[in-house]
N, C-alpha and C. Protein backbone atom coordinates (compact mmCIF):
# COMPACT_ATOMS: atom_id res chain seq x y z
N MET A 1 13.97 6.84 46.22
CA MET A 1 12.30 6.49 46.33
C MET A 1 12.34 5.66 47.67
N ASN A 2 11.01 5.82 48.57
CA ASN A 2 11.08 5.24 49.70
C ASN A 2 10.76 3.72 49.40
N PRO A 3 11.32 2.85 49.89
CA PRO A 3 11.42 1.24 49.63
C PRO A 3 9.76 0.90 49.78
N ILE A 4 9.03 1.53 50.81
CA ILE A 4 7.65 0.89 51.29
C ILE A 4 6.85 1.11 49.98
N SER A 5 7.18 2.34 48.95
CA SER A 5 6.33 2.57 47.90
C SER A 5 6.65 1.47 46.82
N LEU A 6 7.50 0.69 46.86
CA LEU A 6 7.82 -0.21 46.05
C LEU A 6 7.14 -1.74 46.10
N THR A 7 6.30 -1.70 47.24
CA THR A 7 5.92 -3.00 47.67
C THR A 7 5.11 -3.43 46.56
N GLU A 8 4.66 -4.60 46.32
CA GLU A 8 3.71 -5.24 45.48
C GLU A 8 2.25 -4.76 45.87
N ASP A 9 2.01 -4.66 46.97
CA ASP A 9 1.02 -4.16 47.57
C ASP A 9 0.53 -2.67 47.18
N ALA A 10 1.50 -1.76 47.24
CA ALA A 10 1.42 -0.33 46.86
C ALA A 10 1.29 0.12 45.52
N LEU A 11 2.14 -0.92 44.66
CA LEU A 11 2.43 -0.59 43.37
C LEU A 11 1.44 -1.23 42.30
N ALA A 12 0.66 -2.27 42.95
CA ALA A 12 -0.16 -2.94 41.87
C ALA A 12 -1.46 -3.33 42.55
N GLU A 13 -1.32 -4.09 43.71
CA GLU A 13 -3.02 -4.58 44.25
C GLU A 13 -3.51 -3.35 44.71
N GLN A 14 -3.36 -2.22 45.08
CA GLN A 14 -4.30 -1.31 45.48
C GLN A 14 -4.86 -0.74 44.21
N PRO A 15 -4.06 -0.21 43.49
CA PRO A 15 -4.58 0.57 42.08
C PRO A 15 -5.27 -0.65 41.45
N ALA A 16 -5.50 -1.92 41.62
CA ALA A 16 -6.31 -2.95 40.83
C ALA A 16 -7.41 -2.69 41.75
N LEU A 17 -7.55 -2.83 42.75
CA LEU A 17 -8.70 -2.79 43.40
C LEU A 17 -9.39 -1.33 43.53
N GLU A 18 -8.83 -0.26 43.25
CA GLU A 18 -9.30 1.03 43.18
C GLU A 18 -10.46 0.90 41.62
N TRP A 19 -9.37 0.23 40.61
CA TRP A 19 -10.41 0.18 39.60
C TRP A 19 -11.77 -0.66 39.47
N PHE A 20 -11.44 -1.45 40.39
CA PHE A 20 -12.69 -2.48 40.58
C PHE A 20 -13.73 -1.46 41.37
N ARG A 21 -13.24 -0.73 42.29
CA ARG A 21 -14.27 0.09 43.10
C ARG A 21 -14.94 0.99 42.03
N GLU A 22 -14.12 1.63 41.12
CA GLU A 22 -14.47 2.68 40.01
C GLU A 22 -15.90 2.18 39.22
N LEU A 23 -15.51 0.62 39.32
CA LEU A 23 -16.41 -0.03 38.17
C LEU A 23 -17.83 -0.35 39.13
N GLY A 24 -17.68 -0.18 40.32
CA GLY A 24 -18.89 -0.48 41.38
C GLY A 24 -19.01 -1.47 41.94
N TYR A 25 -17.54 -2.15 42.29
CA TYR A 25 -17.72 -3.42 43.01
C TYR A 25 -17.40 -3.03 44.34
N GLU A 26 -17.93 -3.62 45.15
CA GLU A 26 -17.62 -3.99 46.47
C GLU A 26 -16.44 -4.29 47.16
N ILE A 27 -15.71 -3.67 47.69
CA ILE A 27 -14.05 -4.35 48.11
C ILE A 27 -14.02 -4.67 49.70
N LYS A 28 -13.53 -5.98 49.53
CA LYS A 28 -13.32 -6.23 51.28
C LYS A 28 -12.21 -6.49 51.38
N PHE A 29 -11.46 -6.84 52.45
CA PHE A 29 -10.25 -7.66 53.12
C PHE A 29 -10.48 -8.71 53.31
N GLY A 30 -9.56 -9.71 52.92
CA GLY A 30 -10.11 -11.41 53.30
C GLY A 30 -10.08 -11.64 54.50
N PRO A 31 -9.20 -11.13 55.44
CA PRO A 31 -9.16 -11.75 57.02
C PRO A 31 -10.58 -11.01 57.61
N ASP A 32 -11.12 -9.86 56.88
CA ASP A 32 -12.51 -9.43 57.43
C ASP A 32 -13.67 -10.26 57.38
N ILE A 33 -13.73 -10.96 56.59
CA ILE A 33 -15.00 -11.72 56.08
C ILE A 33 -14.62 -13.19 56.49
N SER A 34 -13.34 -13.65 56.88
CA SER A 34 -12.89 -14.86 57.11
C SER A 34 -13.21 -15.17 58.58
N PRO A 35 -13.33 -16.48 59.22
CA PRO A 35 -13.45 -16.93 60.53
C PRO A 35 -12.54 -15.77 61.44
N GLY A 36 -13.20 -15.18 62.30
CA GLY A 36 -12.78 -14.71 63.53
C GLY A 36 -12.42 -13.25 62.90
N GLY A 37 -13.10 -12.67 61.79
CA GLY A 37 -12.69 -11.53 61.27
C GLY A 37 -13.83 -10.60 61.74
N THR A 38 -13.91 -9.31 61.42
CA THR A 38 -15.02 -8.48 61.94
C THR A 38 -16.09 -8.78 61.41
N HIS A 39 -16.52 -9.28 59.73
CA HIS A 39 -17.57 -9.38 59.52
C HIS A 39 -17.43 -10.60 58.65
N PRO A 40 -17.53 -11.73 59.27
CA PRO A 40 -17.23 -13.03 58.55
C PRO A 40 -18.46 -13.53 57.81
N GLU A 41 -17.69 -14.02 56.51
CA GLU A 41 -19.01 -14.38 55.70
C GLU A 41 -18.46 -16.15 55.15
N ARG A 42 -17.69 -16.45 56.05
CA ARG A 42 -17.38 -18.02 55.51
C ARG A 42 -17.05 -18.88 56.92
N ASP A 43 -17.43 -20.15 57.17
CA ASP A 43 -17.32 -20.89 58.27
C ASP A 43 -16.06 -21.30 58.49
N SER A 44 -15.03 -21.48 57.49
CA SER A 44 -13.89 -22.07 57.53
C SER A 44 -12.99 -21.57 56.09
N HIS A 45 -11.57 -21.37 56.32
CA HIS A 45 -11.07 -21.13 55.16
C HIS A 45 -10.96 -21.92 54.30
N GLY A 46 -11.60 -23.29 54.62
CA GLY A 46 -11.83 -23.87 53.01
C GLY A 46 -12.95 -23.66 52.33
N ASP A 47 -13.79 -22.91 52.88
CA ASP A 47 -14.91 -22.47 52.02
C ASP A 47 -14.58 -21.35 51.19
N VAL A 48 -14.72 -21.83 49.96
CA VAL A 48 -14.59 -20.92 49.00
C VAL A 48 -15.47 -20.01 48.13
N VAL A 49 -16.59 -20.28 48.42
CA VAL A 49 -18.21 -19.70 48.11
C VAL A 49 -18.67 -19.05 49.66
N LEU A 50 -19.00 -17.69 49.01
CA LEU A 50 -19.77 -17.14 50.07
C LEU A 50 -21.04 -17.40 50.13
N GLN A 51 -21.66 -18.51 50.88
CA GLN A 51 -22.64 -18.89 50.66
C GLN A 51 -23.95 -17.94 50.95
N GLY A 52 -23.63 -17.02 52.01
CA GLY A 52 -24.78 -16.26 52.29
C GLY A 52 -25.16 -15.28 51.14
N ARG A 53 -24.44 -14.72 50.30
CA ARG A 53 -24.29 -14.06 49.02
C ARG A 53 -25.18 -14.84 48.02
N LEU A 54 -24.60 -15.99 48.12
CA LEU A 54 -25.09 -17.22 46.71
C LEU A 54 -26.44 -17.20 47.38
N ARG A 55 -26.90 -17.44 48.51
CA ARG A 55 -28.43 -17.92 48.59
C ARG A 55 -29.19 -16.65 48.57
N ALA A 56 -28.84 -15.41 49.03
CA ALA A 56 -29.75 -14.29 48.68
C ALA A 56 -29.60 -14.02 47.07
N ALA A 57 -28.62 -14.32 46.43
CA ALA A 57 -28.97 -14.01 44.96
C ALA A 57 -29.79 -15.09 44.31
N LEU A 58 -29.79 -16.21 44.83
CA LEU A 58 -30.42 -17.28 43.83
C LEU A 58 -32.08 -17.25 44.32
N GLU A 59 -32.29 -16.47 45.69
CA GLU A 59 -33.65 -16.37 45.83
C GLU A 59 -34.12 -14.70 45.29
N ARG A 60 -33.08 -13.90 45.15
CA ARG A 60 -33.73 -12.62 44.20
C ARG A 60 -33.63 -12.96 42.90
N LEU A 61 -32.90 -13.60 42.23
CA LEU A 61 -33.28 -13.95 40.86
C LEU A 61 -33.99 -14.96 40.56
N ASN A 62 -34.82 -15.52 41.70
CA ASN A 62 -35.73 -16.78 41.04
C ASN A 62 -36.68 -16.62 42.11
N PRO A 63 -37.45 -15.53 42.17
CA PRO A 63 -38.72 -15.05 43.03
C PRO A 63 -39.86 -15.99 43.09
N HIS A 64 -40.07 -16.93 41.84
CA HIS A 64 -41.29 -17.39 41.48
C HIS A 64 -40.96 -18.95 41.80
N LEU A 65 -39.65 -19.17 42.24
CA LEU A 65 -39.35 -20.49 42.67
C LEU A 65 -39.72 -20.83 44.19
N PRO A 66 -39.84 -21.97 44.88
CA PRO A 66 -40.11 -22.26 46.24
C PRO A 66 -38.48 -22.54 46.98
N MET A 67 -38.59 -22.46 48.14
CA MET A 67 -37.36 -22.37 48.93
C MET A 67 -36.71 -23.89 48.83
N ASP A 68 -37.14 -24.88 48.51
CA ASP A 68 -36.82 -26.13 48.24
C ASP A 68 -35.68 -26.16 47.10
N ALA A 69 -36.51 -25.54 46.21
CA ALA A 69 -35.76 -25.28 44.53
C ALA A 69 -34.62 -24.77 44.88
N ILE A 70 -34.33 -23.66 45.86
CA ILE A 70 -33.20 -22.97 46.20
C ILE A 70 -32.12 -23.64 46.73
N GLU A 71 -32.70 -24.32 47.94
CA GLU A 71 -31.81 -25.15 48.37
C GLU A 71 -31.27 -26.34 47.65
N ASP A 72 -32.09 -26.81 46.74
CA ASP A 72 -31.58 -27.87 46.10
C ASP A 72 -30.72 -27.34 44.88
N ALA A 73 -30.51 -26.05 44.58
CA ALA A 73 -29.83 -25.65 43.65
C ALA A 73 -28.18 -25.43 44.35
N MET A 74 -28.67 -24.96 45.66
CA MET A 74 -27.04 -24.59 46.55
C MET A 74 -26.49 -25.78 46.71
N HIS A 75 -27.48 -26.76 46.87
CA HIS A 75 -26.76 -28.36 47.20
C HIS A 75 -25.97 -28.37 45.77
N HIS A 76 -26.43 -28.42 44.59
CA HIS A 76 -25.72 -28.93 43.36
C HIS A 76 -24.32 -27.79 43.47
N LEU A 77 -24.63 -26.51 43.53
CA LEU A 77 -23.59 -25.67 43.31
C LEU A 77 -22.35 -25.79 44.23
N LEU A 78 -22.65 -26.36 45.45
CA LEU A 78 -21.65 -26.32 46.47
C LEU A 78 -21.16 -27.92 46.52
N ASN A 79 -21.39 -28.47 45.99
CA ASN A 79 -21.26 -30.31 45.81
C ASN A 79 -20.50 -30.57 44.81
N LEU A 80 -19.42 -30.03 43.96
CA LEU A 80 -19.00 -30.53 42.83
C LEU A 80 -18.05 -31.44 43.32
N ASP A 81 -18.27 -32.69 43.30
CA ASP A 81 -17.47 -33.78 44.01
C ASP A 81 -16.62 -34.59 43.13
N SER A 82 -16.48 -34.24 41.70
CA SER A 82 -15.55 -35.07 40.90
C SER A 82 -14.16 -35.02 41.74
N PRO A 83 -13.20 -36.06 41.48
CA PRO A 83 -11.76 -35.72 42.03
C PRO A 83 -10.98 -34.86 40.87
N ASN A 84 -11.82 -34.75 39.68
CA ASN A 84 -11.16 -33.85 38.55
C ASN A 84 -11.50 -32.23 38.65
N MET A 85 -10.55 -31.55 38.80
CA MET A 85 -10.93 -30.39 38.53
C MET A 85 -11.44 -29.78 37.49
N PHE A 86 -10.96 -30.19 36.30
CA PHE A 86 -11.45 -29.60 35.37
C PHE A 86 -13.12 -30.23 34.96
N VAL A 87 -13.22 -31.28 35.40
CA VAL A 87 -14.48 -32.04 35.10
C VAL A 87 -15.53 -31.04 36.01
N ASN A 88 -15.24 -30.83 37.42
CA ASN A 88 -15.85 -29.87 38.27
C ASN A 88 -15.99 -28.60 37.75
N ASN A 89 -15.02 -27.84 37.02
CA ASN A 89 -15.02 -26.51 36.28
C ASN A 89 -16.02 -26.64 35.41
N HIS A 90 -16.21 -27.63 34.42
CA HIS A 90 -16.99 -27.74 33.28
C HIS A 90 -18.45 -28.02 33.99
N ARG A 91 -18.69 -28.69 35.26
CA ARG A 91 -20.06 -28.78 35.36
C ARG A 91 -20.60 -27.50 35.66
N PHE A 92 -19.89 -26.76 36.76
CA PHE A 92 -20.06 -25.44 37.21
C PHE A 92 -20.54 -24.65 35.91
N HIS A 93 -19.80 -24.49 34.86
CA HIS A 93 -20.03 -23.62 33.55
C HIS A 93 -21.42 -23.84 33.20
N LEU A 94 -21.53 -25.06 33.17
CA LEU A 94 -23.09 -25.46 32.37
C LEU A 94 -24.11 -24.86 33.31
N MET A 95 -23.78 -25.21 34.66
CA MET A 95 -24.98 -24.44 35.52
C MET A 95 -24.97 -23.00 35.66
N ALA A 96 -23.48 -22.37 35.56
CA ALA A 96 -23.78 -21.06 35.45
C ALA A 96 -24.36 -20.45 34.18
N THR A 97 -24.08 -20.96 33.20
CA THR A 97 -24.97 -20.27 31.58
C THR A 97 -26.09 -20.91 31.48
N ASN A 98 -26.56 -22.30 32.07
CA ASN A 98 -28.05 -22.57 31.61
C ASN A 98 -28.93 -22.82 32.92
N GLY A 99 -28.37 -22.47 34.05
CA GLY A 99 -28.97 -22.68 35.15
C GLY A 99 -28.93 -23.84 35.74
N VAL A 100 -29.44 -24.01 36.99
CA VAL A 100 -29.03 -25.27 37.67
C VAL A 100 -30.75 -25.95 37.87
N LYS A 101 -30.80 -27.16 37.10
CA LYS A 101 -31.86 -28.17 36.76
C LYS A 101 -32.23 -28.72 38.44
N VAL A 102 -33.62 -28.31 38.65
CA VAL A 102 -34.04 -28.87 39.77
C VAL A 102 -35.62 -29.36 39.58
N GLU A 103 -36.08 -30.07 40.58
CA GLU A 103 -37.51 -30.20 40.28
C GLU A 103 -38.50 -29.63 41.58
N ILE A 104 -39.41 -29.25 41.27
CA ILE A 104 -40.29 -28.55 41.82
C ILE A 104 -41.78 -29.09 41.69
N THR A 105 -42.39 -28.79 42.91
CA THR A 105 -43.82 -29.43 43.24
C THR A 105 -44.94 -28.16 42.89
N THR A 106 -45.59 -28.44 41.84
CA THR A 106 -46.79 -27.41 41.87
C THR A 106 -47.80 -27.35 42.61
N PRO A 107 -48.54 -25.85 42.52
CA PRO A 107 -49.72 -26.28 43.51
C PRO A 107 -50.39 -27.31 43.37
N GLU A 108 -50.85 -27.85 42.30
CA GLU A 108 -51.78 -28.84 42.19
C GLU A 108 -51.13 -30.26 42.42
N GLY A 109 -49.86 -30.30 43.27
CA GLY A 109 -48.97 -31.61 43.45
C GLY A 109 -48.22 -32.31 42.27
N GLU A 110 -48.04 -31.68 41.05
CA GLU A 110 -47.25 -32.49 40.21
C GLU A 110 -45.84 -32.03 40.39
N ARG A 111 -45.23 -32.89 39.97
CA ARG A 111 -43.55 -32.45 39.82
C ARG A 111 -43.36 -32.25 38.57
N ARG A 112 -42.37 -31.26 38.33
CA ARG A 112 -41.87 -30.66 37.01
C ARG A 112 -40.72 -30.14 37.22
N GLY A 113 -39.70 -30.14 36.11
CA GLY A 113 -38.47 -29.77 36.05
C GLY A 113 -38.58 -28.19 36.02
N ASP A 114 -37.53 -27.59 36.44
CA ASP A 114 -37.40 -26.17 36.23
C ASP A 114 -36.05 -25.90 36.54
N PHE A 115 -35.45 -24.35 36.27
CA PHE A 115 -34.28 -23.98 36.33
C PHE A 115 -33.99 -22.90 37.25
N VAL A 116 -32.95 -23.09 38.11
CA VAL A 116 -32.42 -21.87 39.09
C VAL A 116 -31.42 -20.94 38.34
N ARG A 117 -31.65 -19.83 38.03
CA ARG A 117 -30.71 -18.73 37.50
C ARG A 117 -29.83 -18.62 38.45
N VAL A 118 -28.56 -18.94 38.14
CA VAL A 118 -27.30 -18.31 39.00
C VAL A 118 -26.95 -17.03 38.66
N PHE A 119 -26.97 -16.45 37.39
CA PHE A 119 -26.62 -15.01 37.35
C PHE A 119 -27.68 -14.43 36.33
N ASP A 120 -27.83 -13.10 36.42
CA ASP A 120 -28.86 -12.29 35.54
C ASP A 120 -27.97 -11.66 34.59
N PHE A 121 -27.75 -12.06 33.34
CA PHE A 121 -27.05 -11.80 32.29
C PHE A 121 -27.74 -10.78 31.42
N ASP A 122 -28.95 -10.61 31.79
CA ASP A 122 -29.67 -9.61 30.75
C ASP A 122 -29.50 -8.11 31.78
N ASN A 123 -29.85 -8.03 33.01
CA ASN A 123 -29.68 -6.95 33.78
C ASN A 123 -28.53 -7.25 34.78
N PRO A 124 -27.33 -7.05 34.51
CA PRO A 124 -26.17 -7.13 35.39
C PRO A 124 -26.21 -6.56 36.83
N GLU A 125 -26.83 -5.33 37.02
CA GLU A 125 -27.07 -4.81 38.43
C GLU A 125 -27.70 -5.63 39.34
N ASN A 126 -28.52 -6.62 38.59
CA ASN A 126 -29.18 -7.49 39.81
C ASN A 126 -28.11 -8.67 40.36
N ASN A 127 -27.15 -8.55 40.14
CA ASN A 127 -26.03 -9.61 40.41
C ASN A 127 -25.28 -8.73 41.79
N ASP A 128 -24.71 -9.74 42.37
CA ASP A 128 -23.65 -8.99 43.79
C ASP A 128 -22.38 -9.16 43.03
N PHE A 129 -21.68 -8.04 43.26
CA PHE A 129 -20.15 -8.04 42.77
C PHE A 129 -19.52 -7.56 43.87
N LEU A 130 -18.45 -8.50 44.13
CA LEU A 130 -17.53 -8.16 45.26
C LEU A 130 -16.10 -8.46 44.89
N VAL A 131 -15.37 -7.79 45.32
CA VAL A 131 -13.83 -8.23 45.20
C VAL A 131 -13.00 -8.56 46.59
N VAL A 132 -12.27 -9.44 46.91
CA VAL A 132 -11.76 -9.38 48.03
C VAL A 132 -10.07 -9.79 47.83
N SER A 133 -9.51 -8.90 48.54
CA SER A 133 -7.97 -9.05 48.37
C SER A 133 -7.53 -9.85 49.64
N GLN A 134 -6.44 -10.73 49.28
CA GLN A 134 -5.61 -11.63 50.35
C GLN A 134 -6.71 -12.48 50.83
N PHE A 135 -7.32 -13.14 50.04
CA PHE A 135 -8.07 -14.22 50.45
C PHE A 135 -7.66 -15.65 50.84
N THR A 136 -7.52 -16.03 51.96
CA THR A 136 -6.74 -17.02 52.39
C THR A 136 -7.78 -18.48 52.07
N VAL A 137 -7.10 -19.59 51.32
CA VAL A 137 -7.65 -20.71 51.26
C VAL A 137 -6.96 -21.84 51.92
N VAL A 138 -7.44 -22.79 52.59
CA VAL A 138 -6.90 -23.90 53.16
C VAL A 138 -7.60 -25.05 52.69
N SER A 139 -6.41 -26.21 51.95
CA SER A 139 -7.14 -27.47 51.53
C SER A 139 -6.02 -28.22 52.05
N GLY A 140 -6.67 -29.27 53.18
CA GLY A 140 -5.57 -30.20 53.40
C GLY A 140 -4.61 -29.19 54.19
N GLU A 141 -3.54 -29.98 54.01
CA GLU A 141 -2.23 -29.45 54.49
C GLU A 141 -1.64 -27.93 53.67
N HIS A 142 -2.38 -27.78 52.66
CA HIS A 142 -1.69 -26.72 51.96
C HIS A 142 -2.55 -25.22 52.22
N LYS A 143 -1.89 -24.20 52.27
CA LYS A 143 -2.82 -22.72 52.66
C LYS A 143 -2.00 -21.90 51.76
N ARG A 144 -2.88 -21.50 51.13
CA ARG A 144 -2.54 -20.10 49.84
C ARG A 144 -3.45 -19.01 50.27
N ARG A 145 -2.83 -17.96 49.84
CA ARG A 145 -3.59 -16.52 49.63
C ARG A 145 -3.42 -15.83 48.34
N PRO A 146 -4.32 -16.07 47.29
CA PRO A 146 -4.36 -15.24 46.20
C PRO A 146 -4.55 -13.66 46.42
N ASP A 147 -3.92 -12.95 45.61
CA ASP A 147 -3.76 -11.65 45.89
C ASP A 147 -5.35 -11.05 45.92
N VAL A 148 -6.10 -11.56 44.75
CA VAL A 148 -7.02 -10.71 44.53
C VAL A 148 -8.33 -11.78 44.04
N VAL A 149 -9.51 -11.90 44.42
CA VAL A 149 -10.60 -13.04 44.04
C VAL A 149 -11.87 -12.18 43.64
N VAL A 150 -12.29 -12.37 42.79
CA VAL A 150 -13.54 -11.39 42.33
C VAL A 150 -14.66 -12.26 42.28
N PHE A 151 -15.70 -11.98 43.22
CA PHE A 151 -16.91 -12.86 43.32
C PHE A 151 -18.06 -12.48 42.66
N VAL A 152 -19.10 -12.95 42.15
CA VAL A 152 -20.29 -12.39 41.50
C VAL A 152 -21.13 -13.32 42.09
N ASN A 153 -22.28 -12.92 42.97
CA ASN A 153 -23.28 -13.81 43.61
C ASN A 153 -22.73 -14.67 44.70
N GLY A 154 -21.32 -14.45 45.01
CA GLY A 154 -20.72 -15.18 46.14
C GLY A 154 -19.92 -16.21 45.43
N LEU A 155 -19.85 -16.35 44.26
CA LEU A 155 -18.93 -17.43 43.58
C LEU A 155 -17.59 -16.61 43.13
N PRO A 156 -16.37 -17.43 43.33
CA PRO A 156 -15.24 -16.84 42.97
C PRO A 156 -15.05 -17.21 41.25
N LEU A 157 -15.21 -16.08 40.68
CA LEU A 157 -15.22 -16.56 39.26
C LEU A 157 -13.81 -16.04 38.83
N ALA A 158 -13.09 -14.96 39.17
CA ALA A 158 -11.81 -14.71 38.76
C ALA A 158 -10.59 -14.67 39.87
N VAL A 159 -9.50 -15.00 39.50
CA VAL A 159 -8.35 -15.15 40.52
C VAL A 159 -7.44 -13.95 39.82
N ILE A 160 -6.93 -13.11 40.44
CA ILE A 160 -5.97 -12.06 39.80
C ILE A 160 -4.63 -12.30 40.86
N GLU A 161 -3.77 -12.41 40.12
CA GLU A 161 -2.21 -11.95 40.64
C GLU A 161 -1.50 -10.75 40.41
N VAL A 162 -1.38 -10.04 41.22
CA VAL A 162 -0.64 -8.62 40.99
C VAL A 162 0.67 -8.67 41.48
N LYS A 163 1.43 -8.38 40.69
CA LYS A 163 3.05 -8.32 40.84
C LYS A 163 3.86 -7.02 40.80
N ASN A 164 4.58 -6.99 41.49
CA ASN A 164 5.42 -5.62 41.62
C ASN A 164 5.98 -5.25 40.11
N PRO A 165 5.58 -4.09 39.81
CA PRO A 165 6.22 -3.69 38.20
C PRO A 165 7.82 -3.59 38.55
N ALA A 166 8.36 -3.58 39.76
CA ALA A 166 9.63 -3.11 39.88
C ALA A 166 10.52 -4.37 39.88
N SER A 167 9.42 -5.42 39.78
CA SER A 167 10.38 -6.87 40.02
C SER A 167 10.67 -7.54 38.58
N ASN A 168 11.84 -8.42 38.53
CA ASN A 168 12.16 -8.73 37.31
C ASN A 168 11.60 -9.92 36.79
N GLU A 169 10.51 -10.39 37.67
CA GLU A 169 9.87 -11.69 37.24
C GLU A 169 8.68 -11.14 36.42
N ARG A 170 8.37 -11.52 35.17
CA ARG A 170 7.40 -11.24 34.19
C ARG A 170 6.13 -11.87 34.49
N PRO A 171 4.68 -11.45 34.16
CA PRO A 171 3.71 -12.02 34.58
C PRO A 171 3.42 -13.43 33.82
N ILE A 172 4.04 -13.67 32.86
CA ILE A 172 3.72 -14.76 32.36
C ILE A 172 4.78 -16.22 33.09
N GLU A 173 5.77 -15.67 33.90
CA GLU A 173 6.52 -16.68 34.76
C GLU A 173 5.69 -16.58 35.83
N ALA A 174 5.10 -15.79 36.37
CA ALA A 174 4.32 -15.48 37.86
C ALA A 174 3.14 -16.41 37.47
N PHE A 175 2.45 -16.58 36.37
CA PHE A 175 1.39 -17.25 35.84
C PHE A 175 1.82 -18.60 36.08
N ARG A 176 2.84 -18.88 35.41
CA ARG A 176 3.23 -20.57 35.43
C ARG A 176 3.46 -20.89 36.69
N LYS A 177 4.19 -20.14 37.52
CA LYS A 177 4.40 -20.68 39.06
C LYS A 177 3.46 -20.64 40.11
N ASN A 178 2.72 -19.54 40.37
CA ASN A 178 1.93 -19.01 41.14
C ASN A 178 0.84 -20.11 40.68
N ILE A 179 0.02 -19.77 39.71
CA ILE A 179 -1.38 -20.55 39.43
C ILE A 179 -1.10 -21.77 39.21
N ALA A 180 -0.12 -22.18 38.60
CA ALA A 180 -0.04 -23.95 38.49
C ALA A 180 -0.04 -24.19 40.00
N THR A 181 0.53 -23.53 41.06
CA THR A 181 0.74 -24.00 42.76
C THR A 181 -0.70 -24.10 43.09
N TYR A 182 -1.46 -22.82 42.97
CA TYR A 182 -2.85 -22.91 43.28
C TYR A 182 -3.62 -23.88 42.90
N LYS A 183 -3.69 -24.25 41.73
CA LYS A 183 -4.68 -25.28 40.98
C LYS A 183 -4.07 -26.56 41.37
N LYS A 184 -2.95 -26.75 41.95
CA LYS A 184 -2.30 -28.01 42.54
C LYS A 184 -2.73 -28.25 44.00
N GLU A 185 -2.76 -27.10 44.49
CA GLU A 185 -2.60 -27.07 46.22
C GLU A 185 -4.03 -26.41 46.86
N ILE A 186 -4.98 -25.74 46.21
CA ILE A 186 -6.14 -25.27 46.54
C ILE A 186 -6.98 -25.48 45.23
N PRO A 187 -7.42 -26.79 44.74
CA PRO A 187 -8.26 -26.75 43.52
C PRO A 187 -9.71 -26.54 43.68
N GLU A 188 -10.18 -26.53 44.88
CA GLU A 188 -11.58 -25.95 45.16
C GLU A 188 -11.71 -24.75 44.53
N LEU A 189 -11.06 -23.89 44.71
CA LEU A 189 -11.04 -22.50 44.26
C LEU A 189 -11.09 -22.53 42.70
N PHE A 190 -10.84 -23.37 42.17
CA PHE A 190 -10.81 -23.29 40.46
C PHE A 190 -12.10 -24.15 40.08
N HIS A 191 -12.73 -24.40 40.85
CA HIS A 191 -14.07 -25.16 40.57
C HIS A 191 -14.87 -24.14 39.90
N TYR A 192 -14.79 -23.16 40.30
CA TYR A 192 -15.69 -21.95 39.71
C TYR A 192 -15.14 -21.00 39.26
N ASN A 193 -13.95 -21.13 38.77
CA ASN A 193 -13.04 -20.23 38.23
C ASN A 193 -13.44 -19.84 36.49
N GLU A 194 -13.64 -18.94 36.05
CA GLU A 194 -14.03 -18.57 34.72
C GLU A 194 -12.62 -17.63 34.16
N ILE A 195 -12.12 -16.77 34.75
CA ILE A 195 -11.01 -15.90 34.49
C ILE A 195 -9.71 -15.98 35.46
N ILE A 196 -8.39 -16.20 34.71
CA ILE A 196 -7.27 -15.94 35.56
C ILE A 196 -6.43 -15.04 35.09
N VAL A 197 -5.86 -14.13 35.69
CA VAL A 197 -5.09 -13.07 35.15
C VAL A 197 -3.86 -12.61 36.18
N VAL A 198 -2.89 -12.66 35.73
CA VAL A 198 -1.57 -12.18 36.26
C VAL A 198 -1.34 -10.82 35.36
N SER A 199 -0.75 -9.75 36.63
CA SER A 199 -0.59 -8.19 35.72
C SER A 199 0.75 -7.75 36.56
N ASP A 200 1.42 -7.04 36.06
CA ASP A 200 2.11 -6.10 37.04
C ASP A 200 1.97 -4.53 36.39
N LEU A 201 0.72 -4.50 35.96
CA LEU A 201 0.24 -2.96 35.60
C LEU A 201 0.75 -2.47 34.30
N LEU A 202 2.07 -3.39 33.75
CA LEU A 202 2.63 -3.06 32.60
C LEU A 202 2.30 -3.95 31.11
N GLU A 203 1.74 -5.08 31.95
CA GLU A 203 1.40 -6.03 30.90
C GLU A 203 0.69 -7.12 31.84
N ALA A 204 -0.46 -7.94 31.29
CA ALA A 204 -1.18 -8.70 31.76
C ALA A 204 -1.10 -10.26 31.04
N ARG A 205 -1.37 -11.15 31.44
CA ARG A 205 -1.88 -12.44 30.84
C ARG A 205 -2.83 -13.14 31.67
């Protein structure tokens, strides 16, 4: 068998991407949407949120709210500033499920509270689904590149590591090694994380 066909990319990553494509996800190559790429969607490799997609989704899902409410929600979502990754993840989860609490000014000049929806759970087709392969993230002196990151409305909700099924390393071993390293060195990516998967096409964790 040709050794090239045994590469991790050929045996695991591409079939995984094709599965997402069949589900209707848009597929992008990480370097293409990064700074200097053909269609950049992030200002730096430190940006883990695709802000253009997030803003467009918030506007689309909340047409009754003024732009200052959308910008306020953006600020809350982009500034999860606890030094504890798990605290940030919990804060995001609450905003993702309940909406982002904001204050708006009514036409009568009154201030009242409202919520900006982050996702449309009732009509999933109103959300923006994107899968990015080889998504490089830089945090401080660390630079890591998860195999596949799943974005919904510009937010990185899932991280997927795909391993070569010909490798002796089992998914649970890769999970403990790779994901633990990612959490330690690029914690910003996991502020928004809801799902982590490691698979070799034979089993998944």
